[in-house]
Structures are given as structure tokens and as C-alpha cells.
Amino acid sequence: NFIAASLNGTHFSGALMAGTQFGQYPRIEVGSKVHSLAYSPDGTYLAVGCWDKTIKLYRAHAAQPERTLTGHTDEVTALAFSPNGAVLASGSGDKTLRLWDLKTGACTGILEGHTDG
């Protein structure tokens, strides 16, 4: 499977190509300016923090978001996955950090008290 492979200068002379698949990552349409992004530790998910105050959660090879996380009241400026990939942390211009359960999409905690975004 040659998805996202760089084949510049590769010679396939004499190669057996039966069953070979060529593909590419889809182009995603976020619908807003992107401010931050992060891949889950296992590479399964891509989280995109947007200026429209949302987080779009994509399967890494999908063109459409699996879910949209809402709750911030300003742009999402920072994203980080937990080491096990079960929780996403998001920072925002609204001076909060939110914790998200990725199985349910629920916000499980809000850290307040920051003095800047």
C-alpha cells in the first residue's frame, strides 16, 4: 500500500505489482481557519483546533470529521492527546483548558484561572 509514500526516483522495472494499491490522504475541508492540530499517539486521529471555537476530530485517513467538539468561547489555540489517546486537552483564547473524552465527545473538565489565552 503506497498511501502517502514518496516514490520519487523509484524504479519498478521487473517488479510484481499485483495487489499493489496506490492512494493518498484525503484533503479535508475544515470550514474555518486552522489554529492548531495534533495527531493521536497511535496516528488514528487528527484533532484540528479552529478559529470558529470548535475542534474537528478526524480519523487520520477520512475527509469528513467524525465529530465536532464545542464549548470554547474563543479560538482553539492548542491541542494535545494523552499518552493513551483517550483524552484530548484543548487550550483556547477564552483562557480555559478543556479535557475531552474521545469515546463520547464529552467535556470532562475545565481548567480556569489562566490570565491569557
PDB file of N, CA and C in Angstrom:
ATOM      1  N   ASN A   1       0.846  -1.167   0.000  1.00  0.00           N
ATOM      2  CA  ASN A   1       0.000   0.000   0.000  1.00  0.00           C
ATOM      3  C   ASN A   1       0.896   1.236   0.000  1.00  0.00           C
ATOM      4  N   PHE A   2       0.739   2.087  -0.992  1.00  0.00           N
ATOM      5  CA  PHE A   2       1.616   3.241  -1.156  1.00  0.00           C
ATOM      6  C   PHE A   2       0.950   4.554  -0.747  1.00  0.00           C
ATOM      7  N   ILE A   3       0.042   4.530   0.201  1.00  0.00           N
ATOM      8  CA  ILE A   3      -0.587   5.769   0.655  1.00  0.00           C
ATOM      9  C   ILE A   3       0.470   6.657   1.289  1.00  0.00           C
ATOM     10  N   ALA A   4       0.565   7.884   0.817  1.00  0.00           N
ATOM     11  CA  ALA A   4       1.466   8.916   1.336  1.00  0.00           C
ATOM     12  C   ALA A   4       2.942   8.542   1.207  1.00  0.00           C
ATOM     13  N   ALA A   5       3.271   7.645   0.296  1.00  0.00           N
ATOM     14  CA  ALA A   5       4.668   7.273   0.086  1.00  0.00           C
ATOM     15  C   ALA A   5       5.294   8.187  -0.958  1.00  0.00           C
ATOM     16  N   SER A   6       6.533   8.537  -0.755  1.00  0.00           N
ATOM     17  CA  SER A   6       7.276   9.309  -1.745  1.00  0.00           C
ATOM     18  C   SER A   6       7.973   8.324  -2.674  1.00  0.00           C
ATOM     19  N   LEU A   7       7.608   8.343  -3.926  1.00  0.00           N
ATOM     20  CA  LEU A   7       8.155   7.394  -4.900  1.00  0.00           C
ATOM     21  C   LEU A   7       9.072   8.084  -5.902  1.00  0.00           C
ATOM     22  N   ASN A   8       9.527   9.271  -5.577  1.00  0.00           N
ATOM     23  CA  ASN A   8      10.440  10.000  -6.455  1.00  0.00           C
ATOM     24  C   ASN A   8      11.689   9.178  -6.726  1.00  0.00           C
ATOM     25  N   GLY A   9      12.003   8.947  -7.971  1.00  0.00           N
ATOM     26  CA  GLY A   9      13.220   8.238  -8.347  1.00  0.00           C
ATOM     27  C   GLY A   9      13.134   6.728  -8.192  1.00  0.00           C
ATOM     28  N   THR A  10      11.957   6.202  -7.861  1.00  0.00           N
ATOM     29  CA  THR A  10      11.795   4.757  -7.691  1.00  0.00           C
ATOM     30  C   THR A  10      11.670   4.094  -9.055  1.00  0.00           C
ATOM     31  N   HIS A  11      12.335   2.955  -9.232  1.00  0.00           N
ATOM     32  CA  HIS A  11      12.266   2.192 -10.479  1.00  0.00           C
ATOM     33  C   HIS A  11      11.519   0.900 -10.198  1.00  0.00           C
ATOM     34  N   PHE A  12      10.454   0.681 -10.952  1.00  0.00           N
ATOM     35  CA  PHE A  12       9.649  -0.519 -10.774  1.00  0.00           C
ATOM     36  C   PHE A  12       9.913  -1.550 -11.868  1.00  0.00           C
ATOM     37  N   SER A  13      10.991  -1.436 -12.590  1.00  0.00           N
ATOM     38  CA  SER A  13      11.312  -2.396 -13.648  1.00  0.00           C
ATOM     39  C   SER A  13      11.389  -3.800 -13.082  1.00  0.00           C
ATOM     40  N   GLY A  14      10.606  -4.693 -13.641  1.00  0.00           N
ATOM     41  CA  GLY A  14      10.608  -6.077 -13.207  1.00  0.00           C
ATOM     42  C   GLY A  14       9.846  -6.337 -11.915  1.00  0.00           C
ATOM     43  N   ALA A  15       9.239  -5.332 -11.347  1.00  0.00           N
ATOM     44  CA  ALA A  15       8.512  -5.511 -10.084  1.00  0.00           C
ATOM     45  C   ALA A  15       7.176  -6.195 -10.336  1.00  0.00           C
ATOM     46  N   LEU A  16       6.762  -7.055  -9.430  1.00  0.00           N
ATOM     47  CA  LEU A  16       5.438  -7.674  -9.479  1.00  0.00           C
ATOM     48  C   LEU A  16       4.477  -6.732  -8.765  1.00  0.00           C
ATOM     49  N   MET A  17       3.493  -6.203  -9.485  1.00  0.00           N
ATOM     50  CA  MET A  17       2.626  -5.161  -8.939  1.00  0.00           C
ATOM     51  C   MET A  17       1.218  -5.665  -8.621  1.00  0.00           C
ATOM     52  N   ALA A  18       0.963  -6.966  -8.756  1.00  0.00           N
ATOM     53  CA  ALA A  18      -0.371  -7.492  -8.461  1.00  0.00           C
ATOM     54  C   ALA A  18      -0.733  -7.201  -7.007  1.00  0.00           C
ATOM     55  N   GLY A  19      -1.899  -6.642  -6.788  1.00  0.00           N
ATOM     56  CA  GLY A  19      -2.374  -6.353  -5.437  1.00  0.00           C
ATOM     57  C   GLY A  19      -1.855  -5.047  -4.849  1.00  0.00           C
ATOM     58  N   THR A  20      -1.012  -4.347  -5.602  1.00  0.00           N
ATOM     59  CA  THR A  20      -0.475  -3.075  -5.110  1.00  0.00           C
ATOM     60  C   THR A  20      -1.576  -2.022  -5.142  1.00  0.00           C
ATOM     61  N   GLN A  21      -1.662  -1.214  -4.087  1.00  0.00           N
ATOM     62  CA  GLN A  21      -2.666  -0.167  -4.013  1.00  0.00           C
ATOM     63  C   GLN A  21      -1.983   1.185  -3.897  1.00  0.00           C
ATOM     64  N   PHE A  22      -2.451   2.116  -4.705  1.00  0.00           N
ATOM     65  CA  PHE A  22      -1.973   3.489  -4.623  1.00  0.00           C
ATOM     66  C   PHE A  22      -3.113   4.337  -4.090  1.00  0.00           C
ATOM     67  N   GLY A  23      -2.795   5.245  -3.230  1.00  0.00           N
ATOM     68  CA  GLY A  23      -3.824   6.113  -2.671  1.00  0.00           C
ATOM     69  C   GLY A  23      -3.179   7.362  -2.105  1.00  0.00           C
ATOM     70  N   GLN A  24      -3.998   8.210  -1.540  1.00  0.00           N
ATOM     71  CA  GLN A  24      -3.459   9.418  -0.931  1.00  0.00           C
ATOM     72  C   GLN A  24      -4.356   9.825   0.220  1.00  0.00           C
ATOM     73  N   TYR A  25      -3.799  10.634   1.104  1.00  0.00           N
ATOM     74  CA  TYR A  25      -4.606  11.167   2.185  1.00  0.00           C
ATOM     75  C   TYR A  25      -5.641  12.101   1.589  1.00  0.00           C
ATOM     76  N   PRO A  26      -6.843  12.077   2.108  1.00  0.00           N
ATOM     77  CA  PRO A  26      -7.863  12.977   1.579  1.00  0.00           C
ATOM     78  C   PRO A  26      -7.572  14.419   1.983  1.00  0.00           C
ATOM     79  N   ARG A  27      -8.054  15.325   1.196  1.00  0.00           N
ATOM     80  CA  ARG A  27      -7.974  16.742   1.540  1.00  0.00           C
ATOM     81  C   ARG A  27      -9.171  17.043   2.429  1.00  0.00           C
ATOM     82  N   ILE A  28      -8.914  17.613   3.579  1.00  0.00           N
ATOM     83  CA  ILE A  28     -10.013  17.901   4.486  1.00  0.00           C
ATOM     84  C   ILE A  28     -10.459  19.343   4.324  1.00  0.00           C
ATOM     85  N   GLU A  29     -11.749  19.553   4.433  1.00  0.00           N
ATOM     86  CA  GLU A  29     -12.345  20.885   4.395  1.00  0.00           C
ATOM     87  C   GLU A  29     -12.832  21.201   5.800  1.00  0.00           C
ATOM     88  N   VAL A  30     -12.113  22.059   6.487  1.00  0.00           N
ATOM     89  CA  VAL A  30     -12.427  22.351   7.877  1.00  0.00           C
ATOM     90  C   VAL A  30     -13.556  23.365   7.998  1.00  0.00           C
ATOM     91  N   GLY A  31     -13.634  24.318   7.103  1.00  0.00           N
ATOM     92  CA  GLY A  31     -14.689  25.319   7.153  1.00  0.00           C
ATOM     93  C   GLY A  31     -14.349  26.515   8.013  1.00  0.00           C
ATOM     94  N   SER A  32     -13.148  26.573   8.543  1.00  0.00           N
ATOM     95  CA  SER A  32     -12.704  27.667   9.385  1.00  0.00           C
ATOM     96  C   SER A  32     -11.181  27.734   9.296  1.00  0.00           C
ATOM     97  N   LYS A  33     -10.613  28.849   9.721  1.00  0.00           N
ATOM     98  CA  LYS A  33      -9.155  28.924   9.798  1.00  0.00           C
ATOM     99  C   LYS A  33      -8.667  27.958  10.865  1.00  0.00           C
ATOM    100  N   VAL A  34      -7.576  27.278  10.561  1.00  0.00           N
ATOM    101  CA  VAL A  34      -6.990  26.318  11.500  1.00  0.00           C
ATOM    102  C   VAL A  34      -5.954  27.026  12.350  1.00  0.00           C
ATOM    103  N   HIS A  35      -6.033  26.826  13.661  1.00  0.00           N
ATOM    104  CA  HIS A  35      -5.083  27.456  14.567  1.00  0.00           C
ATOM    105  C   HIS A  35      -4.140  26.441  15.196  1.00  0.00           C
ATOM    106  N   SER A  36      -4.589  25.194  15.359  1.00  0.00           N
ATOM    107  CA  SER A  36      -3.768  24.173  15.997  1.00  0.00           C
ATOM    108  C   SER A  36      -4.202  22.803  15.504  1.00  0.00           C
ATOM    109  N   LEU A  37      -3.297  21.827  15.631  1.00  0.00           N
ATOM    110  CA  LEU A  37      -3.653  20.459  15.313  1.00  0.00           C
ATOM    111  C   LEU A  37      -2.731  19.503  16.037  1.00  0.00           C
ATOM    112  N   ALA A  38      -3.210  18.268  16.191  1.00  0.00           N
ATOM    113  CA  ALA A  38      -2.425  17.228  16.855  1.00  0.00           C
ATOM    114  C   ALA A  38      -2.893  15.868  16.373  1.00  0.00           C
ATOM    115  N   TYR A  39      -1.931  14.947  16.219  1.00  0.00           N
ATOM    116  CA  TYR A  39      -2.247  13.549  15.929  1.00  0.00           C
ATOM    117  C   TYR A  39      -2.260  12.764  17.228  1.00  0.00           C
ATOM    118  N   SER A  40      -3.165  11.795  17.312  1.00  0.00           N
ATOM    119  CA  SER A  40      -3.180  10.908  18.474  1.00  0.00           C
ATOM    120  C   SER A  40      -1.896  10.082  18.476  1.00  0.00           C
ATOM    121  N   PRO A  41      -1.460   9.586  19.638  1.00  0.00           N
ATOM    122  CA  PRO A  41      -0.199   8.845  19.718  1.00  0.00           C
ATOM    123  C   PRO A  41      -0.106   7.655  18.762  1.00  0.00           C
ATOM    124  N   ASP A  42      -1.229   7.009  18.478  1.00  0.00           N
ATOM    125  CA  ASP A  42      -1.197   5.867  17.560  1.00  0.00           C
ATOM    126  C   ASP A  42      -1.444   6.262  16.105  1.00  0.00           C
ATOM    127  N   GLY A  43      -1.629   7.563  15.841  1.00  0.00           N
ATOM    128  CA  GLY A  43      -1.830   8.047  14.478  1.00  0.00           C
ATOM    129  C   GLY A  43      -3.220   7.833  13.928  1.00  0.00           C
ATOM    130  N   THR A  44      -4.149   7.394  14.755  1.00  0.00           N
ATOM    131  CA  THR A  44      -5.515   7.115  14.299  1.00  0.00           C
ATOM    132  C   THR A  44      -6.330   8.376  14.080  1.00  0.00           C
ATOM    133  N   TYR A  45      -6.152   9.360  14.948  1.00  0.00           N
ATOM    134  CA  TYR A  45      -6.967  10.579  14.902  1.00  0.00           C
ATOM    135  C   TYR A  45      -6.132  11.822  14.632  1.00  0.00           C
ATOM    136  N   LEU A  46      -6.777  12.779  13.982  1.00  0.00           N
ATOM    137  CA  LEU A  46      -6.237  14.111  13.803  1.00  0.00           C
ATOM    138  C   LEU A  46      -7.239  15.071  14.413  1.00  0.00           C
ATOM    139  N   ALA A  47      -6.797  15.862  15.389  1.00  0.00           N
ATOM    140  CA  ALA A  47      -7.646  16.884  16.000  1.00  0.00           C
ATOM    141  C   ALA A  47      -7.224  18.228  15.425  1.00  0.00           C
ATOM    142  N   VAL A  48      -8.209  19.023  15.013  1.00  0.00           N
ATOM    143  CA  VAL A  48      -7.951  20.325  14.397  1.00  0.00           C
ATOM    144  C   VAL A  48      -8.649  21.398  15.216  1.00  0.00           C
ATOM    145  N   GLY A  49      -7.880  22.331  15.773  1.00  0.00           N
ATOM    146  CA  GLY A  49      -8.420  23.447  16.540  1.00  0.00           C
ATOM    147  C   GLY A  49      -8.680  24.620  15.612  1.00  0.00           C
ATOM    148  N   CYS A  50      -9.874  25.160  15.664  1.00  0.00           N
ATOM    149  CA  CYS A  50     -10.308  26.160  14.684  1.00  0.00           C
ATOM    150  C   CYS A  50     -10.597  27.520  15.309  1.00  0.00           C
ATOM    151  N   TRP A  51     -10.536  28.518  14.448  1.00  0.00           N
ATOM    152  CA  TRP A  51     -10.869  29.887  14.840  1.00  0.00           C
ATOM    153  C   TRP A  51     -12.350  30.026  15.165  1.00  0.00           C
ATOM    154  N   ASP A  52     -13.180  29.106  14.651  1.00  0.00           N
ATOM    155  CA  ASP A  52     -14.624  29.207  14.919  1.00  0.00           C
ATOM    156  C   ASP A  52     -15.013  28.599  16.276  1.00  0.00           C
ATOM    157  N   LYS A  53     -14.000  28.369  17.146  1.00  0.00           N
ATOM    158  CA  LYS A  53     -14.190  27.927  18.530  1.00  0.00           C
ATOM    159  C   LYS A  53     -14.479  26.433  18.649  1.00  0.00           C
ATOM    160  N   THR A  54     -14.295  25.683  17.569  1.00  0.00           N
ATOM    161  CA  THR A  54     -14.581  24.255  17.588  1.00  0.00           C
ATOM    162  C   THR A  54     -13.300  23.440  17.427  1.00  0.00           C
ATOM    163  N   ILE A  55     -13.438  22.155  17.725  1.00  0.00           N
ATOM    164  CA  ILE A  55     -12.386  21.179  17.458  1.00  0.00           C
ATOM    165  C   ILE A  55     -13.004  20.131  16.549  1.00  0.00           C
ATOM    166  N   LYS A  56     -12.399  19.921  15.398  1.00  0.00           N
ATOM    167  CA  LYS A  56     -12.857  18.881  14.478  1.00  0.00           C
ATOM    168  C   LYS A  56     -11.980  17.659  14.708  1.00  0.00           C
ATOM    169  N   LEU A  57     -12.600  16.519  14.914  1.00  0.00           N
ATOM    170  CA  LEU A  57     -11.886  15.278  15.153  1.00  0.00           C
ATOM    171  C   LEU A  57     -12.077  14.361  13.947  1.00  0.00           C
ATOM    172  N   TYR A  58     -10.972  14.072  13.262  1.00  0.00           N
ATOM    173  CA  TYR A  58     -10.986  13.255  12.052  1.00  0.00           C
ATOM    174  C   TYR A  58     -10.303  11.922  12.314  1.00  0.00           C
ATOM    175  N   ARG A  59     -10.785  10.866  11.673  1.00  0.00           N
ATOM    176  CA  ARG A  59      -9.968   9.674  11.516  1.00  0.00           C
ATOM    177  C   ARG A  59      -8.856  10.107  10.571  1.00  0.00           C
ATOM    178  N   ALA A  60      -7.653   9.637  10.781  1.00  0.00           N
ATOM    179  CA  ALA A  60      -6.493  10.155  10.056  1.00  0.00           C
ATOM    180  C   ALA A  60      -6.629  10.085   8.540  1.00  0.00           C
ATOM    181  N   HIS A  61      -7.383   9.133   8.012  1.00  0.00           N
ATOM    182  CA  HIS A  61      -7.498   8.992   6.563  1.00  0.00           C
ATOM    183  C   HIS A  61      -8.873   9.391   6.040  1.00  0.00           C
ATOM    184  N   ALA A  62      -9.644  10.119   6.815  1.00  0.00           N
ATOM    185  CA  ALA A  62     -11.001  10.493   6.409  1.00  0.00           C
ATOM    186  C   ALA A  62     -11.072  11.966   6.032  1.00  0.00           C
ATOM    187  N   ALA A  63     -11.941  12.270   5.083  1.00  0.00           N
ATOM    188  CA  ALA A  63     -12.097  13.645   4.620  1.00  0.00           C
ATOM    189  C   ALA A  63     -13.117  14.428   5.445  1.00  0.00           C
ATOM    190  N   GLN A  64     -14.008  13.726   6.139  1.00  0.00           N
ATOM    191  CA  GLN A  64     -15.048  14.371   6.938  1.00  0.00           C
ATOM    192  C   GLN A  64     -14.774  14.123   8.421  1.00  0.00           C
ATOM    193  N   PRO A  65     -15.067  15.108   9.270  1.00  0.00           N
ATOM    194  CA  PRO A  65     -14.829  14.898  10.704  1.00  0.00           C
ATOM    195  C   PRO A  65     -15.756  13.836  11.272  1.00  0.00           C
ATOM    196  N   GLU A  66     -15.232  13.054  12.194  1.00  0.00           N
ATOM    197  CA  GLU A  66     -16.040  12.059  12.896  1.00  0.00           C
ATOM    198  C   GLU A  66     -16.949  12.748  13.901  1.00  0.00           C
ATOM    199  N   ARG A  67     -16.436  13.821  14.510  1.00  0.00           N
ATOM    200  CA  ARG A  67     -17.247  14.616  15.427  1.00  0.00           C
ATOM    201  C   ARG A  67     -16.648  16.001  15.551  1.00  0.00           C
ATOM    202  N   THR A  68     -17.479  16.930  16.005  1.00  0.00           N
ATOM    203  CA  THR A  68     -17.058  18.294  16.281  1.00  0.00           C
ATOM    204  C   THR A  68     -17.283  18.556  17.762  1.00  0.00           C
ATOM    205  N   LEU A  69     -16.233  19.002  18.438  1.00  0.00           N
ATOM    206  CA  LEU A  69     -16.310  19.287  19.869  1.00  0.00           C
ATOM    207  C   LEU A  69     -16.543  20.789  20.048  1.00  0.00           C
ATOM    208  N   THR A  70     -17.548  21.127  20.822  1.00  0.00           N
ATOM    209  CA  THR A  70     -17.883  22.532  21.043  1.00  0.00           C
ATOM    210  C   THR A  70     -17.921  22.833  22.536  1.00  0.00           C
ATOM    211  N   GLY A  71     -17.676  24.083  22.868  1.00  0.00           N
ATOM    212  CA  GLY A  71     -17.723  24.517  24.262  1.00  0.00           C
ATOM    213  C   GLY A  71     -16.838  25.718  24.523  1.00  0.00           C
ATOM    214  N   HIS A  72     -15.733  25.835  23.789  1.00  0.00           N
ATOM    215  CA  HIS A  72     -14.883  27.014  23.952  1.00  0.00           C
ATOM    216  C   HIS A  72     -15.625  28.247  23.446  1.00  0.00           C
ATOM    217  N   THR A  73     -15.313  29.399  24.014  1.00  0.00           N
ATOM    218  CA  THR A  73     -15.952  30.648  23.595  1.00  0.00           C
ATOM    219  C   THR A  73     -15.002  31.556  22.821  1.00  0.00           C
ATOM    220  N   ASP A  74     -13.816  31.026  22.469  1.00  0.00           N
ATOM    221  CA  ASP A  74     -12.841  31.751  21.645  1.00  0.00           C
ATOM    222  C   ASP A  74     -12.063  30.703  20.847  1.00  0.00           C
ATOM    223  N   GLU A  75     -11.195  31.144  19.961  1.00  0.00           N
ATOM    224  CA  GLU A  75     -10.478  30.204  19.091  1.00  0.00           C
ATOM    225  C   GLU A  75      -9.690  29.171  19.891  1.00  0.00           C
ATOM    226  N   VAL A  76      -9.539  27.972  19.318  1.00  0.00           N
ATOM    227  CA  VAL A  76      -8.804  26.876  19.954  1.00  0.00           C
ATOM    228  C   VAL A  76      -7.352  26.982  19.508  1.00  0.00           C
ATOM    229  N   THR A  77      -6.474  27.282  20.457  1.00  0.00           N
ATOM    230  CA  THR A  77      -5.087  27.617  20.121  1.00  0.00           C
ATOM    231  C   THR A  77      -4.083  26.507  20.392  1.00  0.00           C
ATOM    232  N   ALA A  78      -4.475  25.460  21.133  1.00  0.00           N
ATOM    233  CA  ALA A  78      -3.530  24.398  21.461  1.00  0.00           C
ATOM    234  C   ALA A  78      -4.274  23.088  21.666  1.00  0.00           C
ATOM    235  N   LEU A  79      -3.649  21.989  21.235  1.00  0.00           N
ATOM    236  CA  LEU A  79      -4.233  20.657  21.376  1.00  0.00           C
ATOM    237  C   LEU A  79      -3.152  19.663  21.767  1.00  0.00           C
ATOM    238  N   ALA A  80      -3.506  18.699  22.610  1.00  0.00           N
ATOM    239  CA  ALA A  80      -2.574  17.621  22.967  1.00  0.00           C
ATOM    240  C   ALA A  80      -3.377  16.400  23.385  1.00  0.00           C
ATOM    241  N   PHE A  81      -2.959  15.231  22.907  1.00  0.00           N
ATOM    242  CA  PHE A  81      -3.576  13.972  23.299  1.00  0.00           C
ATOM    243  C   PHE A  81      -2.865  13.409  24.525  1.00  0.00           C
ATOM    244  N   SER A  82      -3.606  12.696  25.349  1.00  0.00           N
ATOM    245  CA  SER A  82      -2.994  11.949  26.453  1.00  0.00           C
ATOM    246  C   SER A  82      -2.157  10.825  25.847  1.00  0.00           C
ATOM    247  N   PRO A  83      -1.184  10.298  26.597  1.00  0.00           N
ATOM    248  CA  PRO A  83      -0.344   9.229  26.046  1.00  0.00           C
ATOM    249  C   PRO A  83      -1.119   8.007  25.549  1.00  0.00           C
ATOM    250  N   ASN A  84      -2.267   7.702  26.162  1.00  0.00           N
ATOM    251  CA  ASN A  84      -3.058   6.551  25.711  1.00  0.00           C
ATOM    252  C   ASN A  84      -4.072   6.924  24.635  1.00  0.00           C
ATOM    253  N   GLY A  85      -4.160   8.209  24.267  1.00  0.00           N
ATOM    254  CA  GLY A  85      -5.053   8.655  23.204  1.00  0.00           C
ATOM    255  C   GLY A  85      -6.515   8.724  23.578  1.00  0.00           C
ATOM    256  N   ALA A  86      -6.862   8.532  24.840  1.00  0.00           N
ATOM    257  CA  ALA A  86      -8.262   8.522  25.261  1.00  0.00           C
ATOM    258  C   ALA A  86      -8.793   9.913  25.584  1.00  0.00           C
ATOM    259  N   VAL A  87      -7.898  10.857  25.877  1.00  0.00           N
ATOM    260  CA  VAL A  87      -8.298  12.207  26.286  1.00  0.00           C
ATOM    261  C   VAL A  87      -7.584  13.219  25.402  1.00  0.00           C
ATOM    262  N   LEU A  88      -8.311  14.259  25.034  1.00  0.00           N
ATOM    263  CA  LEU A  88      -7.738  15.379  24.293  1.00  0.00           C
ATOM    264  C   LEU A  88      -7.820  16.614  25.178  1.00  0.00           C
ATOM    265  N   ALA A  89      -6.722  17.338  25.299  1.00  0.00           N
ATOM    266  CA  ALA A  89      -6.709  18.616  26.017  1.00  0.00           C
ATOM    267  C   ALA A  89      -6.699  19.723  24.981  1.00  0.00           C
ATOM    268  N   SER A  90      -7.502  20.758  25.211  1.00  0.00           N
ATOM    269  CA  SER A  90      -7.546  21.896  24.289  1.00  0.00           C
ATOM    270  C   SER A  90      -7.415  23.196  25.068  1.00  0.00           C
ATOM    271  N   GLY A  91      -6.571  24.080  24.552  1.00  0.00           N
ATOM    272  CA  GLY A  91      -6.418  25.408  25.124  1.00  0.00           C
ATOM    273  C   GLY A  91      -7.049  26.413  24.186  1.00  0.00           C
ATOM    274  N   SER A  92      -7.529  27.515  24.744  1.00  0.00           N
ATOM    275  CA  SER A  92      -8.278  28.477  23.942  1.00  0.00           C
ATOM    276  C   SER A  92      -7.983  29.908  24.354  1.00  0.00           C
ATOM    277  N   GLY A  93      -8.296  30.818  23.440  1.00  0.00           N
ATOM    278  CA  GLY A  93      -8.233  32.238  23.733  1.00  0.00           C
ATOM    279  C   GLY A  93      -9.206  32.645  24.821  1.00  0.00           C
ATOM    280  N   ASP A  94     -10.130  31.759  25.180  1.00  0.00           N
ATOM    281  CA  ASP A  94     -11.065  32.068  26.271  1.00  0.00           C
ATOM    282  C   ASP A  94     -10.442  31.849  27.649  1.00  0.00           C
ATOM    283  N   LYS A  95      -9.128  31.552  27.677  1.00  0.00           N
ATOM    284  CA  LYS A  95      -8.341  31.393  28.899  1.00  0.00           C
ATOM    285  C   LYS A  95      -8.700  30.141  29.700  1.00  0.00           C
ATOM    286  N   THR A  96      -9.216  29.131  28.995  1.00  0.00           N
ATOM    287  CA  THR A  96      -9.501  27.854  29.646  1.00  0.00           C
ATOM    288  C   THR A  96      -8.764  26.726  28.935  1.00  0.00           C
ATOM    289  N   LEU A  97      -8.619  25.638  29.661  1.00  0.00           N
ATOM    290  CA  LEU A  97      -8.144  24.388  29.098  1.00  0.00           C
ATOM    291  C   LEU A  97      -9.252  23.384  29.355  1.00  0.00           C
ATOM    292  N   ARG A  98      -9.663  22.676  28.308  1.00  0.00           N
ATOM    293  CA  ARG A  98     -10.734  21.695  28.442  1.00  0.00           C
ATOM    294  C   ARG A  98     -10.186  20.299  28.184  1.00  0.00           C
ATOM    295  N   LEU A  99     -10.737  19.337  28.894  1.00  0.00           N
ATOM    296  CA  LEU A  99     -10.396  17.933  28.705  1.00  0.00           C
ATOM    297  C   LEU A  99     -11.596  17.235  28.080  1.00  0.00           C
ATOM    298  N   TRP A 100     -11.348  16.459  27.034  1.00  0.00           N
ATOM    299  CA  TRP A 100     -12.403  15.812  26.254  1.00  0.00           C
ATOM    300  C   TRP A 100     -12.221  14.303  26.265  1.00  0.00           C
ATOM    301  N   ASP A 101     -13.289  13.579  26.543  1.00  0.00           N
ATOM    302  CA  ASP A 101     -13.305  12.122  26.423  1.00  0.00           C
ATOM    303  C   ASP A 101     -13.563  11.811  24.953  1.00  0.00           C
ATOM    304  N   LEU A 102     -12.622  11.159  24.295  1.00  0.00           N
ATOM    305  CA  LEU A 102     -12.760  10.946  22.860  1.00  0.00           C
ATOM    306  C   LEU A 102     -13.778   9.875  22.497  1.00  0.00           C
ATOM    307  N   LYS A 103     -14.104   8.971  23.405  1.00  0.00           N
ATOM    308  CA  LYS A 103     -15.138   7.972  23.105  1.00  0.00           C
ATOM    309  C   LYS A 103     -16.514   8.614  23.020  1.00  0.00           C
ATOM    310  N   THR A 104     -16.782   9.558  23.924  1.00  0.00           N
ATOM    311  CA  THR A 104     -18.118  10.159  23.993  1.00  0.00           C
ATOM    312  C   THR A 104     -18.180  11.557  23.396  1.00  0.00           C
ATOM    313  N   GLY A 105     -17.039  12.229  23.295  1.00  0.00           N
ATOM    314  CA  GLY A 105     -17.018  13.617  22.847  1.00  0.00           C
ATOM    315  C   GLY A 105     -17.381  14.597  23.947  1.00  0.00           C
ATOM    316  N   ALA A 106     -17.559  14.102  25.155  1.00  0.00           N
ATOM    317  CA  ALA A 106     -17.967  14.954  26.270  1.00  0.00           C
ATOM    318  C   ALA A 106     -16.773  15.698  26.853  1.00  0.00           C
ATOM    319  N   CYS A 107     -17.029  16.937  27.267  1.00  0.00           N
ATOM    320  CA  CYS A 107     -16.036  17.702  28.010  1.00  0.00           C
ATOM    321  C   CYS A 107     -16.079  17.198  29.450  1.00  0.00           C
ATOM    322  N   THR A 108     -14.945  16.678  29.935  1.00  0.00           N
ATOM    323  CA  THR A 108     -14.912  16.074  31.269  1.00  0.00           C
ATOM    324  C   THR A 108     -14.283  16.988  32.317  1.00  0.00           C
ATOM    325  N   GLY A 109     -13.755  18.122  31.888  1.00  0.00           N
ATOM    326  CA  GLY A 109     -13.172  19.046  32.839  1.00  0.00           C
ATOM    327  C   GLY A 109     -12.795  20.353  32.194  1.00  0.00           C
ATOM    328  N   ILE A 110     -12.875  21.424  32.974  1.00  0.00           N
ATOM    329  CA  ILE A 110     -12.488  22.755  32.506  1.00  0.00           C
ATOM    330  C   ILE A 110     -11.538  23.334  33.540  1.00  0.00           C
ATOM    331  N   LEU A 111     -10.347  23.685  33.102  1.00  0.00           N
ATOM    332  CA  LEU A 111      -9.367  24.320  33.984  1.00  0.00           C
ATOM    333  C   LEU A 111      -9.423  25.820  33.714  1.00  0.00           C
ATOM    334  N   GLU A 112      -9.740  26.584  34.751  1.00  0.00           N
ATOM    335  CA  GLU A 112      -9.875  28.036  34.632  1.00  0.00           C
ATOM    336  C   GLU A 112      -8.830  28.721  35.499  1.00  0.00           C
ATOM    337  N   GLY A 113      -8.666  30.018  35.275  1.00  0.00           N
ATOM    338  CA  GLY A 113      -7.744  30.791  36.092  1.00  0.00           C
ATOM    339  C   GLY A 113      -6.539  31.286  35.320  1.00  0.00           C
ATOM    340  N   HIS A 114      -6.427  30.898  34.061  1.00  0.00           N
ATOM    341  CA  HIS A 114      -5.309  31.419  33.247  1.00  0.00           C
ATOM    342  C   HIS A 114      -5.535  32.904  32.994  1.00  0.00           C
ATOM    343  N   THR A 115      -4.458  33.656  32.876  1.00  0.00           N
ATOM    344  CA  THR A 115      -4.577  35.095  32.694  1.00  0.00           C
ATOM    345  C   THR A 115      -4.476  35.513  31.235  1.00  0.00           C
ATOM    346  N   ASP A 116      -4.229  34.549  30.351  1.00  0.00           N
ATOM    347  CA  ASP A 116      -4.142  34.841  28.925  1.00  0.00           C
ATOM    348  C   ASP A 116      -4.469  33.581  28.156  1.00  0.00           C
ATOM    349  N   GLY A 117      -4.725  33.750  26.869  1.00  0.00           N
ATOM    350  CA  GLY A 117      -5.058  32.610  26.018  1.00  0.00           C
ATOM    351  C   GLY A 117      -3.888  31.688  25.813  1.00  0.00           C
TER     352      GLY A 117
END
